[in-house]
Structures are given as C-alpha cells and as structure tokens.
Amino acid sequence: MRNKFLATATLVCSALAVASAPMIAEAAQHHRHKVQVCTTSRGARNTGTVVGAVTGGLLGNAVSNGGGKTGGTIIGAGLGAVAGHQIAKHNAHRTCHWEWRNN
C-alpha cells in the first residue's frame, strides 16, 4: 500500500512539474523594464535654419562689395543657415518621461 502511494505521489508531482514548466518559461520571457524616452521639437530647428539663412544672406550682401554681392549673399545665407540650425538645436526644448516596456 505504501509503495503504491509513493508511486502515485511521484507521478502527480512529475505531472505538475511538466505542466508548469511552460508557464515558468513564459513568465521569464515577459520581463518588464523601465526606459527613458526623450523627444525634441523639430519646428524650432527648422525656424532657426530659415531665420539664420535670411539674416546671413542680408549680412553677406551688406558686407560684400561691387560685383560680388550675389556670391556674398549666397555664402552668407549658407553660413547663416548652418549657424541658425545649430543654435536652435542647442536651445530646443527636450521632454523626457519614463515608460515600462516588455522584453
């Protein structure tokens, strides 16, 4: 009688172990972790580029003399666009928040 009870208990424990293995593996795969997500506004960089290009073009035209006014305007607009973009990118408002993600 005792051997039959031990055999039945062993069989039941083995069946439970086999049945719960997929649930344990699934729980291990769905690990949640916290990540920081940041966004910046792109509109400010575009505005900075346009304002820099216009200002640089006007300054380039004013500084150049004689027949080189077109070249001075183009070079000034290019340098002003780069400078305006970099300044706006540096001063852009950055918003960050934390999110929970699954593996």
PDB file of N, CA and C in Angstrom:
ATOM      1  N   MET A   1       0.807  -1.177   0.000  1.00  0.00           N
ATOM      2  CA  MET A   1       0.000   0.000   0.000  1.00  0.00           C
ATOM      3  C   MET A   1       0.865   1.262   0.000  1.00  0.00           C
ATOM      4  N   ARG A   2       1.911   1.234   0.804  1.00  0.00           N
ATOM      5  CA  ARG A   2       2.778   2.404   0.886  1.00  0.00           C
ATOM      6  C   ARG A   2       3.493   2.649  -0.432  1.00  0.00           C
ATOM      7  N   ASN A   3       3.971   1.615  -1.100  1.00  0.00           N
ATOM      8  CA  ASN A   3       4.667   1.771  -2.382  1.00  0.00           C
ATOM      9  C   ASN A   3       3.744   2.339  -3.449  1.00  0.00           C
ATOM     10  N   LYS A   4       2.467   1.914  -3.401  1.00  0.00           N
ATOM     11  CA  LYS A   4       1.509   2.423  -4.370  1.00  0.00           C
ATOM     12  C   LYS A   4       1.265   3.922  -4.131  1.00  0.00           C
ATOM     13  N   PHE A   5       1.192   4.337  -2.853  1.00  0.00           N
ATOM     14  CA  PHE A   5       1.001   5.747  -2.519  1.00  0.00           C
ATOM     15  C   PHE A   5       2.187   6.586  -2.980  1.00  0.00           C
ATOM     16  N   LEU A   6       3.418   6.108  -2.747  1.00  0.00           N
ATOM     17  CA  LEU A   6       4.619   6.835  -3.173  1.00  0.00           C
ATOM     18  C   LEU A   6       4.700   6.934  -4.692  1.00  0.00           C
ATOM     19  N   ALA A   7       4.327   5.859  -5.374  1.00  0.00           N
ATOM     20  CA  ALA A   7       4.343   5.873  -6.833  1.00  0.00           C
ATOM     21  C   ALA A   7       3.328   6.878  -7.371  1.00  0.00           C
ATOM     22  N   THR A   8       2.141   6.930  -6.760  1.00  0.00           N
ATOM     23  CA  THR A   8       1.114   7.875  -7.194  1.00  0.00           C
ATOM     24  C   THR A   8       1.550   9.315  -6.898  1.00  0.00           C
ATOM     25  N   ALA A   9       2.132   9.568  -5.740  1.00  0.00           N
ATOM     26  CA  ALA A   9       2.593  10.905  -5.382  1.00  0.00           C
ATOM     27  C   ALA A   9       3.712  11.364  -6.314  1.00  0.00           C
ATOM     28  N   THR A  10       4.613  10.470  -6.619  1.00  0.00           N
ATOM     29  CA  THR A  10       5.705  10.798  -7.545  1.00  0.00           C
ATOM     30  C   THR A  10       5.166  11.125  -8.926  1.00  0.00           C
ATOM     31  N   LEU A  11       4.198  10.346  -9.380  1.00  0.00           N
ATOM     32  CA  LEU A  11       3.606  10.573 -10.693  1.00  0.00           C
ATOM     33  C   LEU A  11       2.870  11.919 -10.742  1.00  0.00           C
ATOM     34  N   VAL A  12       2.139  12.252  -9.677  1.00  0.00           N
ATOM     35  CA  VAL A  12       1.416  13.518  -9.629  1.00  0.00           C
ATOM     36  C   VAL A  12       2.390  14.692  -9.610  1.00  0.00           C
ATOM     37  N   CYS A  13       3.438  14.601  -8.805  1.00  0.00           N
ATOM     38  CA  CYS A  13       4.441  15.683  -8.743  1.00  0.00           C
ATOM     39  C   CYS A  13       5.144  15.866 -10.081  1.00  0.00           C
ATOM     40  N   SER A  14       5.445  14.776 -10.742  1.00  0.00           N
ATOM     41  CA  SER A  14       6.092  14.855 -12.054  1.00  0.00           C
ATOM     42  C   SER A  14       5.167  15.514 -13.069  1.00  0.00           C
ATOM     43  N   ALA A  15       3.901  15.155 -13.042  1.00  0.00           N
ATOM     44  CA  ALA A  15       2.937  15.743 -13.977  1.00  0.00           C
ATOM     45  C   ALA A  15       2.789  17.237 -13.718  1.00  0.00           C
ATOM     46  N   LEU A  16       2.747  17.648 -12.454  1.00  0.00           N
ATOM     47  CA  LEU A  16       2.656  19.083 -12.138  1.00  0.00           C
ATOM     48  C   LEU A  16       3.907  19.837 -12.586  1.00  0.00           C
ATOM     49  N   ALA A  17       5.057  19.230 -12.398  1.00  0.00           N
ATOM     50  CA  ALA A  17       6.303  19.877 -12.820  1.00  0.00           C
ATOM     51  C   ALA A  17       6.339  20.066 -14.332  1.00  0.00           C
ATOM     52  N   VAL A  18       5.917  19.055 -15.070  1.00  0.00           N
ATOM     53  CA  VAL A  18       5.912  19.142 -16.534  1.00  0.00           C
ATOM     54  C   VAL A  18       4.869  20.165 -16.996  1.00  0.00           C
ATOM     55  N   ALA A  19       3.718  20.194 -16.343  1.00  0.00           N
ATOM     56  CA  ALA A  19       2.651  21.118 -16.744  1.00  0.00           C
ATOM     57  C   ALA A  19       3.009  22.561 -16.436  1.00  0.00           C
ATOM     58  N   SER A  20       3.757  22.819 -15.364  1.00  0.00           N
ATOM     59  CA  SER A  20       4.076  24.201 -15.001  1.00  0.00           C
ATOM     60  C   SER A  20       5.327  24.732 -15.680  1.00  0.00           C
ATOM     61  N   ALA A  21       6.101  23.916 -16.325  1.00  0.00           N
ATOM     62  CA  ALA A  21       7.340  24.364 -16.979  1.00  0.00           C
ATOM     63  C   ALA A  21       7.087  25.429 -18.041  1.00  0.00           C
ATOM     64  N   PRO A  22       6.096  25.276 -18.938  1.00  0.00           N
ATOM     65  CA  PRO A  22       5.860  26.340 -19.927  1.00  0.00           C
ATOM     66  C   PRO A  22       5.442  27.659 -19.289  1.00  0.00           C
ATOM     67  N   MET A  23       4.683  27.614 -18.192  1.00  0.00           N
ATOM     68  CA  MET A  23       4.262  28.857 -17.528  1.00  0.00           C
ATOM     69  C   MET A  23       5.454  29.570 -16.915  1.00  0.00           C
ATOM     70  N   ILE A  24       6.378  28.830 -16.343  1.00  0.00           N
ATOM     71  CA  ILE A  24       7.571  29.431 -15.748  1.00  0.00           C
ATOM     72  C   ILE A  24       8.439  30.053 -16.837  1.00  0.00           C
ATOM     73  N   ALA A  25       8.601  29.350 -17.953  1.00  0.00           N
ATOM     74  CA  ALA A  25       9.398  29.875 -19.063  1.00  0.00           C
ATOM     75  C   ALA A  25       8.745  31.127 -19.655  1.00  0.00           C
ATOM     76  N   GLU A  26       7.416  31.124 -19.757  1.00  0.00           N
ATOM     77  CA  GLU A  26       6.716  32.280 -20.309  1.00  0.00           C
ATOM     78  C   GLU A  26       6.840  33.486 -19.389  1.00  0.00           C
ATOM     79  N   ALA A  27       6.755  33.267 -18.090  1.00  0.00           N
ATOM     80  CA  ALA A  27       6.895  34.368 -17.142  1.00  0.00           C
ATOM     81  C   ALA A  27       8.296  34.962 -17.194  1.00  0.00           C
ATOM     82  N   ALA A  28       9.293  34.145 -17.426  1.00  0.00           N
ATOM     83  CA  ALA A  28      10.660  34.642 -17.509  1.00  0.00           C
ATOM     84  C   ALA A  28      10.879  35.462 -18.781  1.00  0.00           C
ATOM     85  N   GLN A  29      10.168  35.164 -19.851  1.00  0.00           N
ATOM     86  CA  GLN A  29      10.352  35.880 -21.108  1.00  0.00           C
ATOM     87  C   GLN A  29       9.699  37.259 -21.084  1.00  0.00           C
ATOM     88  N   HIS A  30       8.663  37.466 -20.285  1.00  0.00           N
ATOM     89  CA  HIS A  30       7.953  38.737 -20.246  1.00  0.00           C
ATOM     90  C   HIS A  30       8.460  39.605 -19.103  1.00  0.00           C
ATOM     91  N   HIS A  31       9.729  39.914 -19.156  1.00  0.00           N
ATOM     92  CA  HIS A  31      10.332  40.765 -18.135  1.00  0.00           C
ATOM     93  C   HIS A  31      10.071  42.219 -18.487  1.00  0.00           C
ATOM     94  N   ARG A  32       9.540  42.968 -17.553  1.00  0.00           N
ATOM     95  CA  ARG A  32       9.282  44.393 -17.770  1.00  0.00           C
ATOM     96  C   ARG A  32      10.455  45.203 -17.253  1.00  0.00           C
ATOM     97  N   HIS A  33      10.828  46.223 -18.011  1.00  0.00           N
ATOM     98  CA  HIS A  33      11.895  47.110 -17.577  1.00  0.00           C
ATOM     99  C   HIS A  33      11.515  48.556 -17.904  1.00  0.00           C
ATOM    100  N   LYS A  34      12.144  49.453 -17.207  1.00  0.00           N
ATOM    101  CA  LYS A  34      11.844  50.878 -17.320  1.00  0.00           C
ATOM    102  C   LYS A  34      12.864  51.536 -18.242  1.00  0.00           C
ATOM    103  N   VAL A  35      12.390  52.310 -19.235  1.00  0.00           N
ATOM    104  CA  VAL A  35      13.279  53.020 -20.152  1.00  0.00           C
ATOM    105  C   VAL A  35      12.884  54.500 -20.187  1.00  0.00           C
ATOM    106  N   GLN A  36      13.870  55.347 -20.429  1.00  0.00           N
ATOM    107  CA  GLN A  36      13.618  56.776 -20.552  1.00  0.00           C
ATOM    108  C   GLN A  36      13.455  57.125 -22.028  1.00  0.00           C
ATOM    109  N   VAL A  37      12.370  57.826 -22.350  1.00  0.00           N
ATOM    110  CA  VAL A  37      12.071  58.225 -23.727  1.00  0.00           C
ATOM    111  C   VAL A  37      12.096  59.748 -23.791  1.00  0.00           C
ATOM    112  N   CYS A  38      12.893  60.297 -24.705  1.00  0.00           N
ATOM    113  CA  CYS A  38      13.024  61.751 -24.838  1.00  0.00           C
ATOM    114  C   CYS A  38      12.627  62.181 -26.248  1.00  0.00           C
ATOM    115  N   THR A  39      11.961  63.319 -26.334  1.00  0.00           N
ATOM    116  CA  THR A  39      11.585  63.887 -27.632  1.00  0.00           C
ATOM    117  C   THR A  39      11.988  65.365 -27.654  1.00  0.00           C
ATOM    118  N   THR A  40      12.329  65.838 -28.840  1.00  0.00           N
ATOM    119  CA  THR A  40      12.635  67.256 -29.029  1.00  0.00           C
ATOM    120  C   THR A  40      11.739  67.804 -30.126  1.00  0.00           C
ATOM    121  N   SER A  41      11.469  69.088 -30.060  1.00  0.00           N
ATOM    122  CA  SER A  41      10.627  69.714 -31.076  1.00  0.00           C
ATOM    123  C   SER A  41      11.464  70.016 -32.316  1.00  0.00           C
ATOM    124  N   ARG A  42      10.999  69.570 -33.471  1.00  0.00           N
ATOM    125  CA  ARG A  42      11.729  69.790 -34.723  1.00  0.00           C
ATOM    126  C   ARG A  42      11.430  71.161 -35.319  1.00  0.00           C
ATOM    127  N   GLY A  43      10.298  71.732 -34.992  1.00  0.00           N
ATOM    128  CA  GLY A  43       9.908  73.008 -35.578  1.00  0.00           C
ATOM    129  C   GLY A  43      10.886  74.123 -35.262  1.00  0.00           C
ATOM    130  N   ALA A  44      11.448  74.096 -34.068  1.00  0.00           N
ATOM    131  CA  ALA A  44      12.391  75.149 -33.676  1.00  0.00           C
ATOM    132  C   ALA A  44      13.654  75.093 -34.532  1.00  0.00           C
ATOM    133  N   ARG A  45      14.108  73.891 -34.873  1.00  0.00           N
ATOM    134  CA  ARG A  45      15.320  73.777 -35.702  1.00  0.00           C
ATOM    135  C   ARG A  45      15.068  74.292 -37.109  1.00  0.00           C
ATOM    136  N   ASN A  46      13.892  74.011 -37.652  1.00  0.00           N
ATOM    137  CA  ASN A  46      13.574  74.495 -38.993  1.00  0.00           C
ATOM    138  C   ASN A  46      13.460  76.015 -39.002  1.00  0.00           C
ATOM    139  N   THR A  47      12.828  76.569 -37.983  1.00  0.00           N
ATOM    140  CA  THR A  47      12.713  78.029 -37.897  1.00  0.00           C
ATOM    141  C   THR A  47      14.086  78.664 -37.739  1.00  0.00           C
ATOM    142  N   GLY A  48      14.938  78.085 -36.914  1.00  0.00           N
ATOM    143  CA  GLY A  48      16.293  78.608 -36.741  1.00  0.00           C
ATOM    144  C   GLY A  48      17.087  78.589 -38.032  1.00  0.00           C
ATOM    145  N   THR A  49      16.899  77.542 -38.840  1.00  0.00           N
ATOM    146  CA  THR A  49      17.606  77.454 -40.122  1.00  0.00           C
ATOM    147  C   THR A  49      17.156  78.562 -41.071  1.00  0.00           C
ATOM    148  N   VAL A  50      15.856  78.789 -41.152  1.00  0.00           N
ATOM    149  CA  VAL A  50      15.337  79.818 -42.063  1.00  0.00           C
ATOM    150  C   VAL A  50      15.753  81.212 -41.607  1.00  0.00           C
ATOM    151  N   VAL A  51      15.611  81.483 -40.314  1.00  0.00           N
ATOM    152  CA  VAL A  51      15.990  82.810 -39.798  1.00  0.00           C
ATOM    153  C   VAL A  51      17.493  83.042 -39.985  1.00  0.00           C
ATOM    154  N   GLY A  52      18.306  82.017 -39.738  1.00  0.00           N
ATOM    155  CA  GLY A  52      19.751  82.137 -39.935  1.00  0.00           C
ATOM    156  C   GLY A  52      20.117  82.378 -41.383  1.00  0.00           C
ATOM    157  N   ALA A  53      19.426  81.690 -42.300  1.00  0.00           N
ATOM    158  CA  ALA A  53      19.719  81.866 -43.726  1.00  0.00           C
ATOM    159  C   ALA A  53      19.369  83.276 -44.191  1.00  0.00           C
ATOM    160  N   VAL A  54      18.228  83.790 -43.775  1.00  0.00           N
ATOM    161  CA  VAL A  54      17.822  85.147 -44.187  1.00  0.00           C
ATOM    162  C   VAL A  54      18.771  86.186 -43.600  1.00  0.00           C
ATOM    163  N   THR A  55      19.073  86.051 -42.315  1.00  0.00           N
ATOM    164  CA  THR A  55      19.976  87.004 -41.671  1.00  0.00           C
ATOM    165  C   THR A  55      21.374  86.942 -42.279  1.00  0.00           C
ATOM    166  N   GLY A  56      21.874  85.730 -42.502  1.00  0.00           N
ATOM    167  CA  GLY A  56      23.200  85.573 -43.113  1.00  0.00           C
ATOM    168  C   GLY A  56      23.249  86.120 -44.524  1.00  0.00           C
ATOM    169  N   GLY A  57      22.167  85.910 -45.276  1.00  0.00           N
ATOM    170  CA  GLY A  57      22.111  86.460 -46.638  1.00  0.00           C
ATOM    171  C   GLY A  57      22.130  87.974 -46.642  1.00  0.00           C
ATOM    172  N   LEU A  58      21.402  88.590 -45.732  1.00  0.00           N
ATOM    173  CA  LEU A  58      21.400  90.056 -45.648  1.00  0.00           C
ATOM    174  C   LEU A  58      22.765  90.594 -45.225  1.00  0.00           C
ATOM    175  N   LEU A  59      23.381  89.926 -44.229  1.00  0.00           N
ATOM    176  CA  LEU A  59      24.717  90.364 -43.807  1.00  0.00           C
ATOM    177  C   LEU A  59      25.756  90.147 -44.910  1.00  0.00           C
ATOM    178  N   GLY A  60      25.664  89.022 -45.602  1.00  0.00           N
ATOM    179  CA  GLY A  60      26.604  88.756 -46.692  1.00  0.00           C
ATOM    180  C   GLY A  60      26.472  89.763 -47.814  1.00  0.00           C
ATOM    181  N   ASN A  61      25.262  90.175 -48.117  1.00  0.00           N
ATOM    182  CA  ASN A  61      25.030  91.168 -49.153  1.00  0.00           C
ATOM    183  C   ASN A  61      25.565  92.529 -48.709  1.00  0.00           C
ATOM    184  N   ALA A  62      25.385  92.880 -47.445  1.00  0.00           N
ATOM    185  CA  ALA A  62      25.833  94.178 -46.945  1.00  0.00           C
ATOM    186  C   ALA A  62      27.354  94.265 -46.872  1.00  0.00           C
ATOM    187  N   VAL A  63      28.017  93.170 -46.535  1.00  0.00           N
ATOM    188  CA  VAL A  63      29.475  93.184 -46.366  1.00  0.00           C
ATOM    189  C   VAL A  63      30.196  93.129 -47.715  1.00  0.00           C
ATOM    190  N   SER A  64      29.635  92.399 -48.674  1.00  0.00           N
ATOM    191  CA  SER A  64      30.317  92.269 -49.975  1.00  0.00           C
ATOM    192  C   SER A  64      30.224  93.583 -50.750  1.00  0.00           C
ATOM    193  N   ASN A  65      31.176  93.737 -51.681  1.00  0.00           N
ATOM    194  CA  ASN A  65      31.204  94.985 -52.443  1.00  0.00           C
ATOM    195  C   ASN A  65      31.273  94.699 -53.934  1.00  0.00           C
ATOM    196  N   GLY A  66      30.856  95.641 -54.730  1.00  0.00           N
ATOM    197  CA  GLY A  66      30.948  95.566 -56.180  1.00  0.00           C
ATOM    198  C   GLY A  66      30.107  94.439 -56.768  1.00  0.00           C
ATOM    199  N   GLY A  67      30.711  93.725 -57.725  1.00  0.00           N
ATOM    200  CA  GLY A  67      30.007  92.671 -58.447  1.00  0.00           C
ATOM    201  C   GLY A  67      29.880  91.375 -57.671  1.00  0.00           C
ATOM    202  N   GLY A  68      30.490  91.293 -56.484  1.00  0.00           N
ATOM    203  CA  GLY A  68      30.456  90.053 -55.711  1.00  0.00           C
ATOM    204  C   GLY A  68      29.311  89.979 -54.729  1.00  0.00           C
ATOM    205  N   LYS A  69      28.289  90.814 -54.925  1.00  0.00           N
ATOM    206  CA  LYS A  69      27.170  90.822 -53.979  1.00  0.00           C
ATOM    207  C   LYS A  69      26.394  89.503 -54.013  1.00  0.00           C
ATOM    208  N   THR A  70      26.232  88.906 -55.165  1.00  0.00           N
ATOM    209  CA  THR A  70      25.496  87.635 -55.257  1.00  0.00           C
ATOM    210  C   THR A  70      26.241  86.532 -54.522  1.00  0.00           C
ATOM    211  N   GLY A  71      27.542  86.460 -54.740  1.00  0.00           N
ATOM    212  CA  GLY A  71      28.346  85.442 -54.052  1.00  0.00           C
ATOM    213  C   GLY A  71      28.347  85.646 -52.550  1.00  0.00           C
ATOM    214  N   GLY A  72      28.459  86.893 -52.120  1.00  0.00           N
ATOM    215  CA  GLY A  72      28.433  87.195 -50.686  1.00  0.00           C
ATOM    216  C   GLY A  72      27.094  86.837 -50.059  1.00  0.00           C
ATOM    217  N   THR A  73      26.013  87.076 -50.801  1.00  0.00           N
ATOM    218  CA  THR A  73      24.681  86.747 -50.301  1.00  0.00           C
ATOM    219  C   THR A  73      24.517  85.233 -50.152  1.00  0.00           C
ATOM    220  N   ILE A  74      24.974  84.492 -51.149  1.00  0.00           N
ATOM    221  CA  ILE A  74      24.845  83.026 -51.115  1.00  0.00           C
ATOM    222  C   ILE A  74      25.698  82.429 -49.998  1.00  0.00           C
ATOM    223  N   ILE A  75      26.940  82.877 -49.888  1.00  0.00           N
ATOM    224  CA  ILE A  75      27.822  82.360 -48.825  1.00  0.00           C
ATOM    225  C   ILE A  75      27.273  82.741 -47.448  1.00  0.00           C
ATOM    226  N   GLY A  76      26.812  83.966 -47.298  1.00  0.00           N
ATOM    227  CA  GLY A  76      26.238  84.410 -46.021  1.00  0.00           C
ATOM    228  C   GLY A  76      24.990  83.617 -45.653  1.00  0.00           C
ATOM    229  N   ALA A  77      24.148  83.330 -46.653  1.00  0.00           N
ATOM    230  CA  ALA A  77      22.926  82.561 -46.392  1.00  0.00           C
ATOM    231  C   ALA A  77      23.272  81.137 -45.966  1.00  0.00           C
ATOM    232  N   GLY A  78      24.259  80.540 -46.604  1.00  0.00           N
ATOM    233  CA  GLY A  78      24.668  79.178 -46.240  1.00  0.00           C
ATOM    234  C   GLY A  78      25.235  79.108 -44.832  1.00  0.00           C
ATOM    235  N   LEU A  79      26.148  80.023 -44.531  1.00  0.00           N
ATOM    236  CA  LEU A  79      26.737  80.029 -43.185  1.00  0.00           C
ATOM    237  C   LEU A  79      25.697  80.385 -42.120  1.00  0.00           C
ATOM    238  N   GLY A  80      24.800  81.315 -42.450  1.00  0.00           N
ATOM    239  CA  GLY A  80      23.743  81.686 -41.509  1.00  0.00           C
ATOM    240  C   GLY A  80      22.770  80.544 -41.257  1.00  0.00           C
ATOM    241  N   ALA A  81      22.467  79.754 -42.298  1.00  0.00           N
ATOM    242  CA  ALA A  81      21.559  78.617 -42.139  1.00  0.00           C
ATOM    243  C   ALA A  81      22.163  77.571 -41.201  1.00  0.00           C
ATOM    244  N   VAL A  82      23.446  77.275 -41.384  1.00  0.00           N
ATOM    245  CA  VAL A  82      24.115  76.299 -40.515  1.00  0.00           C
ATOM    246  C   VAL A  82      24.165  76.809 -39.079  1.00  0.00           C
ATOM    247  N   ALA A  83      24.541  78.074 -38.917  1.00  0.00           N
ATOM    248  CA  ALA A  83      24.636  78.638 -37.568  1.00  0.00           C
ATOM    249  C   ALA A  83      23.255  78.680 -36.901  1.00  0.00           C
ATOM    250  N   GLY A  84      22.236  79.099 -37.625  1.00  0.00           N
ATOM    251  CA  GLY A  84      20.886  79.168 -37.061  1.00  0.00           C
ATOM    252  C   GLY A  84      20.357  77.797 -36.664  1.00  0.00           C
ATOM    253  N   HIS A  85      20.637  76.785 -37.473  1.00  0.00           N
ATOM    254  CA  HIS A  85      20.207  75.420 -37.161  1.00  0.00           C
ATOM    255  C   HIS A  85      20.885  74.908 -35.894  1.00  0.00           C
ATOM    256  N   GLN A  86      22.186  75.131 -35.786  1.00  0.00           N
ATOM    257  CA  GLN A  86      22.927  74.652 -34.615  1.00  0.00           C
ATOM    258  C   GLN A  86      22.486  75.375 -33.346  1.00  0.00           C
ATOM    259  N   ILE A  87      22.260  76.669 -33.433  1.00  0.00           N
ATOM    260  CA  ILE A  87      21.806  77.418 -32.260  1.00  0.00           C
ATOM    261  C   ILE A  87      20.416  76.948 -31.827  1.00  0.00           C
ATOM    262  N   ALA A  88      19.510  76.771 -32.782  1.00  0.00           N
ATOM    263  CA  ALA A  88      18.156  76.319 -32.451  1.00  0.00           C
ATOM    264  C   ALA A  88      18.171  74.892 -31.902  1.00  0.00           C
ATOM    265  N   LYS A  89      19.032  74.031 -32.434  1.00  0.00           N
ATOM    266  CA  LYS A  89      19.129  72.657 -31.946  1.00  0.00           C
ATOM    267  C   LYS A  89      19.644  72.636 -30.512  1.00  0.00           C
ATOM    268  N   HIS A  90      20.588  73.495 -30.225  1.00  0.00           N
ATOM    269  CA  HIS A  90      21.147  73.559 -28.874  1.00  0.00           C
ATOM    270  C   HIS A  90      20.122  74.081 -27.865  1.00  0.00           C
ATOM    271  N   ASN A  91      19.273  75.009 -28.292  1.00  0.00           N
ATOM    272  CA  ASN A  91      18.289  75.622 -27.395  1.00  0.00           C
ATOM    273  C   ASN A  91      16.932  74.936 -27.432  1.00  0.00           C
ATOM    274  N   ALA A  92      16.783  73.842 -28.198  1.00  0.00           N
ATOM    275  CA  ALA A  92      15.488  73.175 -28.346  1.00  0.00           C
ATOM    276  C   ALA A  92      15.011  72.607 -27.012  1.00  0.00           C
ATOM    277  N   HIS A  93      13.713  72.637 -26.818  1.00  0.00           N
ATOM    278  CA  HIS A  93      13.093  72.108 -25.599  1.00  0.00           C
ATOM    279  C   HIS A  93      13.030  70.583 -25.708  1.00  0.00           C
ATOM    280  N   ARG A  94      13.570  69.910 -24.719  1.00  0.00           N
ATOM    281  CA  ARG A  94      13.614  68.446 -24.707  1.00  0.00           C
ATOM    282  C   ARG A  94      12.708  67.945 -23.592  1.00  0.00           C
ATOM    283  N   THR A  95      11.805  67.032 -23.933  1.00  0.00           N
ATOM    284  CA  THR A  95      10.873  66.469 -22.970  1.00  0.00           C
ATOM    285  C   THR A  95      11.187  64.983 -22.794  1.00  0.00           C
ATOM    286  N   CYS A  96      11.359  64.568 -21.542  1.00  0.00           N
ATOM    287  CA  CYS A  96      11.667  63.163 -21.252  1.00  0.00           C
ATOM    288  C   CYS A  96      10.645  62.604 -20.268  1.00  0.00           C
ATOM    289  N   HIS A  97      10.348  61.312 -20.425  1.00  0.00           N
ATOM    290  CA  HIS A  97       9.487  60.612 -19.481  1.00  0.00           C
ATOM    291  C   HIS A  97       9.896  59.141 -19.445  1.00  0.00           C
ATOM    292  N   TRP A  98       9.457  58.450 -18.404  1.00  0.00           N
ATOM    293  CA  TRP A  98       9.790  57.030 -18.236  1.00  0.00           C
ATOM    294  C   TRP A  98       8.616  56.170 -18.686  1.00  0.00           C
ATOM    295  N   GLU A  99       8.929  55.045 -19.353  1.00  0.00           N
ATOM    296  CA  GLU A  99       7.912  54.090 -19.796  1.00  0.00           C
ATOM    297  C   GLU A  99       8.329  52.693 -19.384  1.00  0.00           C
ATOM    298  N   TRP A 100       7.333  51.857 -19.123  1.00  0.00           N
ATOM    299  CA  TRP A 100       7.584  50.436 -18.861  1.00  0.00           C
ATOM    300  C   TRP A 100       7.453  49.686 -20.178  1.00  0.00           C
ATOM    301  N   ARG A 101       8.416  48.836 -20.477  1.00  0.00           N
ATOM    302  CA  ARG A 101       8.395  48.053 -21.709  1.00  0.00           C
ATOM    303  C   ARG A 101       8.626  46.583 -21.396  1.00  0.00           C
ATOM    304  N   ASN A 102       8.067  45.727 -22.234  1.00  0.00           N
ATOM    305  CA  ASN A 102       8.259  44.285 -22.104  1.00  0.00           C
ATOM    306  C   ASN A 102       9.385  43.828 -23.021  1.00  0.00           C
ATOM    307  N   ASN A 103      10.058  42.768 -22.620  1.00  0.00           N
ATOM    308  CA  ASN A 103      11.096  42.198 -23.495  1.00  0.00           C
ATOM    309  C   ASN A 103      10.496  41.596 -24.716  1.00  0.00           C
TER     310      ASN A 103
END
